[in-house]
Protein backbone atom coordinates (compact mmCIF):
# COMPACT_ATOMS: atom_id res chain seq x y z
CA MET A 1 37.73 257.12 -25.61
CA ALA A 2 38.44 260.36 -23.81
CA GLU A 3 41.66 260.83 -25.78
CA GLU A 4 40.04 260.09 -29.15
CA ILE A 5 36.64 261.79 -29.12
CA THR A 6 36.43 264.41 -26.35
CA GLY A 7 35.75 267.85 -27.81
CA LYS A 8 34.40 266.52 -31.11
CA ARG A 9 30.88 267.09 -32.41
CA ILE A 10 28.39 264.36 -33.28
CA HIS A 11 27.55 264.28 -36.98
CA LYS A 12 25.42 261.15 -37.31
CA VAL A 13 23.89 258.38 -35.20
CA GLU A 14 22.73 255.00 -36.51
CA VAL A 15 20.50 252.72 -34.42
CA HIS A 16 19.87 249.17 -35.63
CA GLN A 17 18.44 247.77 -32.39
CA PRO A 18 15.95 250.27 -30.93
CA LYS A 19 15.29 248.15 -27.83
CA ASN A 20 18.74 249.18 -26.54
CA LEU A 21 17.48 252.76 -26.24
CA ASN A 22 15.38 254.43 -23.58
CA ILE A 23 13.60 256.75 -26.03
CA PRO A 24 12.37 256.37 -29.64
CA PRO A 25 15.22 256.25 -32.21
CA GLU A 26 14.06 259.41 -33.97
CA GLN A 27 14.09 261.39 -30.72
CA PHE A 28 17.46 259.89 -29.77
CA VAL A 29 19.08 260.89 -33.05
CA GLU A 30 17.56 264.36 -33.10
CA THR A 31 18.74 265.04 -29.54
CA ALA A 32 22.28 263.67 -29.95
CA VAL A 33 23.30 265.02 -33.37
CA GLY A 34 25.11 268.36 -33.21
CA ARG A 35 26.18 268.01 -29.60
CA THR A 36 29.83 268.11 -28.53
CA VAL A 37 31.35 265.27 -26.54
CA GLY A 38 32.49 266.37 -23.09
CA GLN A 39 33.83 264.41 -20.12
CA ILE A 40 33.88 260.60 -20.41
CA TYR A 41 34.21 258.36 -17.38
CA GLY A 42 33.29 254.92 -16.13
CA ARG A 43 31.26 254.03 -13.08
CA GLY A 44 30.79 250.36 -12.36
CA LYS A 45 29.60 248.66 -15.51
CA TRP A 46 28.38 251.93 -17.04
CA LEU A 47 30.10 254.42 -19.31
CA PHE A 48 29.09 258.07 -18.82
CA MET A 49 29.57 260.49 -21.72
CA LYS A 50 28.64 264.14 -21.27
CA LEU A 51 27.03 265.65 -24.37
CA LYS A 52 27.24 269.41 -24.08
CA THR A 53 25.59 271.18 -22.72
CA ASP A 54 22.85 269.36 -20.86
CA HIS A 55 22.66 265.64 -21.71
CA TYR A 56 24.43 262.39 -20.90
CA LEU A 57 24.91 259.33 -23.08
CA LEU A 58 24.95 256.24 -20.83
CA ILE A 59 26.27 252.93 -22.15
CA ASN A 60 26.17 249.50 -20.50
CA LEU A 61 27.71 246.63 -22.46
CA GLY A 62 25.50 244.07 -20.72
CA MET A 63 26.80 240.51 -21.04
CA GLY A 64 29.61 241.76 -23.26
CA ALA A 65 30.11 243.81 -26.41
CA ASP A 66 32.65 245.17 -28.85
CA LEU A 67 32.82 248.96 -28.54
CA LEU A 68 35.28 249.91 -31.27
CA HIS A 69 36.83 253.14 -32.48
CA PHE A 70 36.99 253.91 -36.19
CA THR A 71 38.66 256.54 -38.37
CA PRO A 72 37.84 257.57 -41.97
CA THR A 73 40.20 254.83 -43.25
CA SER A 74 39.05 252.05 -40.90
CA LYS A 75 37.27 248.90 -42.04
CA LEU A 76 34.03 248.76 -40.07
CA PRO A 77 32.82 245.58 -38.32
CA GLU A 78 30.39 243.47 -40.33
CA LYS A 79 27.74 243.70 -37.62
CA TYR A 80 26.89 246.37 -35.08
CA GLN A 81 23.74 247.67 -33.39
CA PHE A 82 24.90 251.26 -32.88
CA LYS A 83 27.18 253.68 -34.70
CA LEU A 84 28.14 257.21 -33.69
CA THR A 85 29.99 259.31 -36.27
CA LEU A 86 31.69 262.60 -35.45
CA THR A 87 32.22 265.58 -37.77
CA ASP A 88 35.80 264.48 -38.52
CA HIS A 89 34.34 261.11 -39.72
CA SER A 90 35.80 259.19 -36.79
CA GLY A 91 33.58 257.60 -34.15
CA PHE A 92 32.68 254.24 -32.65
CA THR A 93 30.44 251.22 -33.20
CA ILE A 94 28.89 248.87 -30.64
CA ARG A 95 28.10 245.21 -31.27
CA PHE A 96 26.39 243.60 -28.30
CA TYR A 97 26.97 239.89 -27.70
CA TRP A 98 23.52 239.62 -26.16
CA PHE A 99 21.93 242.81 -24.87
CA GLY A 100 22.95 246.16 -23.45
CA TYR A 101 21.77 249.71 -22.87
CA ILE A 102 22.33 252.99 -24.69
CA HIS A 103 20.40 255.68 -22.87
CA LEU A 104 20.23 259.42 -23.55
CA ILE A 105 19.33 261.37 -20.41
CA PRO A 106 18.90 265.09 -19.71
CA GLU A 107 21.48 266.07 -17.09
CA LYS A 108 18.77 267.31 -14.73
CA GLU A 109 17.23 263.80 -14.75
CA LEU A 110 20.49 261.91 -14.22
CA ASN A 111 19.88 261.42 -10.51
CA GLN A 112 16.51 259.83 -11.36
CA HIS A 113 17.86 257.28 -13.86
CA LYS A 114 16.78 253.97 -12.32
CA LEU A 115 19.77 251.95 -13.56
CA THR A 116 22.57 254.30 -12.48
CA ALA A 117 21.26 256.71 -9.82
CA LYS A 118 21.91 254.29 -6.94
CA LEU A 119 25.25 252.88 -8.10
CA GLY A 120 27.85 252.54 -5.37
CA ILE A 121 31.39 253.84 -5.72
CA SER A 122 33.90 252.08 -7.93
CA PRO A 123 36.52 249.91 -6.18
CA LEU A 124 39.11 251.87 -8.17
CA ASP A 125 37.96 255.28 -6.91
CA LYS A 126 39.96 257.08 -4.25
CA GLU A 127 36.80 257.14 -2.11
CA PHE A 128 36.96 253.34 -1.88
CA THR A 129 39.01 253.08 1.29
CA ARG A 130 39.50 250.43 3.94
CA GLU A 131 37.23 252.47 6.19
CA TYR A 132 34.51 252.55 3.52
CA LEU A 133 34.65 248.75 3.16
CA GLN A 134 34.59 248.30 6.92
CA LYS A 135 31.47 250.44 7.29
CA LEU A 136 29.86 248.67 4.33
CA LEU A 137 30.30 245.24 5.92
CA ALA A 138 29.44 246.21 9.48
CA LYS A 139 26.24 244.61 10.76
CA LYS A 140 25.29 243.39 7.28
CA LYS A 141 23.26 240.20 7.69
CA THR A 142 24.06 238.86 4.27
CA ARG A 143 26.66 236.64 2.63
CA ILE A 144 29.86 238.29 1.47
CA LYS A 145 29.62 237.30 -2.21
CA PRO A 146 26.17 238.77 -3.03
CA LEU A 147 27.04 241.84 -0.98
CA LEU A 148 30.12 242.51 -3.12
CA LEU A 149 28.26 241.77 -6.37
CA ASN A 150 25.45 244.19 -5.50
CA GLN A 151 26.22 247.25 -7.65
CA LYS A 152 24.53 249.51 -5.09
CA ASN A 153 27.28 248.62 -2.61
CA ILE A 154 30.31 248.54 -4.91
CA ALA A 155 29.91 249.32 -8.60
CA GLY A 156 32.18 247.25 -10.80
CA VAL A 157 32.83 243.87 -9.19
CA GLY A 158 31.38 241.02 -11.26
CA ASN A 159 31.17 237.24 -10.99
CA VAL A 160 34.31 236.71 -13.11
CA TYR A 161 36.77 238.38 -10.74
CA ILE A 162 34.94 237.76 -7.46
CA GLN A 163 36.26 234.17 -7.59
CA ASP A 164 39.90 235.12 -7.08
CA ILE A 165 39.08 238.12 -4.89
CA LEU A 166 37.50 235.83 -2.30
CA PHE A 167 40.24 233.22 -2.73
CA ASN A 168 43.01 235.78 -2.23
CA ALA A 169 41.22 236.97 0.92
CA ARG A 170 40.73 233.32 2.03
CA LEU A 171 36.99 233.84 2.39
CA HIS A 172 34.20 231.39 1.59
CA PRO A 173 31.55 233.07 -0.61
CA ASP A 174 28.81 232.09 1.88
CA ARG A 175 30.56 233.71 4.84
CA MET A 176 28.35 236.25 6.59
CA ALA A 177 29.72 239.76 6.03
CA SER A 178 29.22 240.87 9.63
CA THR A 179 31.49 238.10 10.95
CA LEU A 180 34.66 239.32 9.22
CA SER A 181 37.47 240.47 11.49
CA ASP A 182 39.39 243.70 10.88
CA GLN A 183 42.28 241.69 9.44
CA GLU A 184 39.95 239.78 7.10
CA ILE A 185 38.46 243.06 5.90
CA ASN A 186 41.96 244.38 5.22
CA ASN A 187 42.77 241.21 3.30
CA LEU A 188 39.56 241.55 1.29
CA TYR A 189 40.31 245.19 0.47
CA ASP A 190 43.79 244.28 -0.76
CA ALA A 191 42.40 241.36 -2.79
CA ILE A 192 39.85 243.57 -4.56
CA LYS A 193 42.50 246.08 -5.56
CA THR A 194 45.07 243.44 -6.55
CA VAL A 195 42.80 241.30 -8.73
CA LEU A 196 41.11 244.17 -10.57
CA ASN A 197 44.31 246.12 -11.17
CA ARG A 198 46.06 243.02 -12.48
CA SER A 199 43.33 242.51 -15.05
CA ILE A 200 43.52 246.16 -16.08
CA GLU A 201 47.27 245.89 -16.50
CA LYS A 202 46.77 242.87 -18.77
CA GLY A 203 44.11 244.63 -20.86
CA GLY A 204 41.13 242.65 -19.64
CA LEU A 205 39.99 239.12 -20.47
CA ALA A 206 41.41 237.33 -23.49
CA TYR A 207 38.08 237.43 -25.37
CA GLU A 208 37.47 241.12 -24.66
CA LYS A 209 38.58 243.94 -26.95
CA ASN A 210 39.63 247.45 -26.07
CA PHE A 211 38.60 250.62 -27.94
CA TYR A 212 41.10 249.82 -30.70
CA GLY A 213 40.05 246.21 -31.19
CA GLU A 214 43.06 244.76 -29.35
CA LYS A 215 42.30 241.65 -27.30
CA GLY A 216 43.13 241.41 -23.61
CA ASN A 217 45.81 239.16 -22.13
CA PHE A 218 44.09 237.95 -18.96
CA SER A 219 43.65 234.22 -19.64
CA ILE A 220 42.59 231.14 -17.68
CA GLU A 221 46.20 230.72 -16.53
CA ASP A 222 45.95 234.05 -14.70
CA PHE A 223 43.15 232.84 -12.41
CA GLY A 224 44.04 231.35 -9.05
CA VAL A 225 40.93 229.20 -8.57
CA GLY A 226 38.38 230.75 -10.95
CA TYR A 227 37.10 228.34 -13.61
CA LYS A 228 39.62 225.65 -12.63
CA THR A 229 37.43 222.87 -11.27
CA GLY A 230 39.52 219.87 -10.23
CA LYS A 231 42.85 221.66 -10.67
CA PRO A 232 45.16 221.91 -7.64
CA CYS A 233 44.90 224.97 -5.43
CA PRO A 234 47.98 227.17 -6.07
CA VAL A 235 48.52 227.43 -2.30
CA CYS A 236 47.80 223.97 -0.83
CA THR A 237 47.20 221.72 -3.93
CA THR A 238 43.71 220.71 -2.74
CA PRO A 239 41.44 220.15 -5.79
CA ILE A 240 39.39 223.25 -6.61
CA GLU A 241 35.63 222.79 -6.32
CA LYS A 242 32.73 224.39 -8.16
CA ILE A 243 29.81 225.04 -5.83
CA ARG A 244 26.44 226.75 -6.07
CA THR A 245 26.12 230.00 -4.13
CA GLY A 246 22.68 231.54 -4.50
CA THR A 247 22.03 232.11 -8.20
CA THR A 248 25.72 232.01 -9.18
CA ALA A 249 28.48 229.42 -9.36
CA SER A 250 31.58 229.80 -7.23
CA TYR A 251 35.04 228.27 -7.51
CA ILE A 252 36.77 227.70 -4.20
CA CYS A 253 39.56 225.84 -2.48
CA PRO A 254 37.68 223.94 0.25
CA LYS A 255 40.77 223.99 2.49
CA CYS A 256 41.85 227.64 2.07
CA GLN A 257 38.28 228.98 2.07
CA LYS A 258 36.57 227.12 4.89
CA LEU A 259 33.08 228.25 5.84
């Protein structure tokens, strides 16, 4: 997105699902049109787009969405809830699978935005160090899985990849965070980096599309234990189990990930 639209000016905005917005559609359009796109970056599950000089466009794809680039010669998707067109007639559309957010926030109010102001650091940021993870887990009287899924602690780890992260670290999802040894914390840190970077290298999940509409290559075969109930553990061949952990399901090897 940064390569394609940074520095371009917004010509038109179409909103077909007003409930995605944080302000009335008319106000949204009036505020956005004419502004130039500045820095674009991700933080957790949110996309931050600076609109010069004093606003931010915040996008969260919710349970999934197609956010697709278009040019003047592109064939547009049949359905979309949002369309942003730039002055060179390029832009992007968003089709949410279920629900998501498109919020327009004055820069001075960014630190008060309830959904993003308290986000933790991304596990791909340079600030996410072994020491940071160690301090995060210290004395935490909670289970390791919900702690890692809490976006206020680490922004960007979801239930899809947490399965193999915990398996690679040989940790049961119900393990208490404060009981992890230094070596286990190191293993967990490496597992987070390895699993997420591997998915990025493969372009994301097979049903997900990038900005150009190209599908990812991370398929069920790429998971170690995730979503493979009854299949043999890739390490010890013990059948993988699906268990309930809080409000989410977890896939574990009962031998490699003992509680």
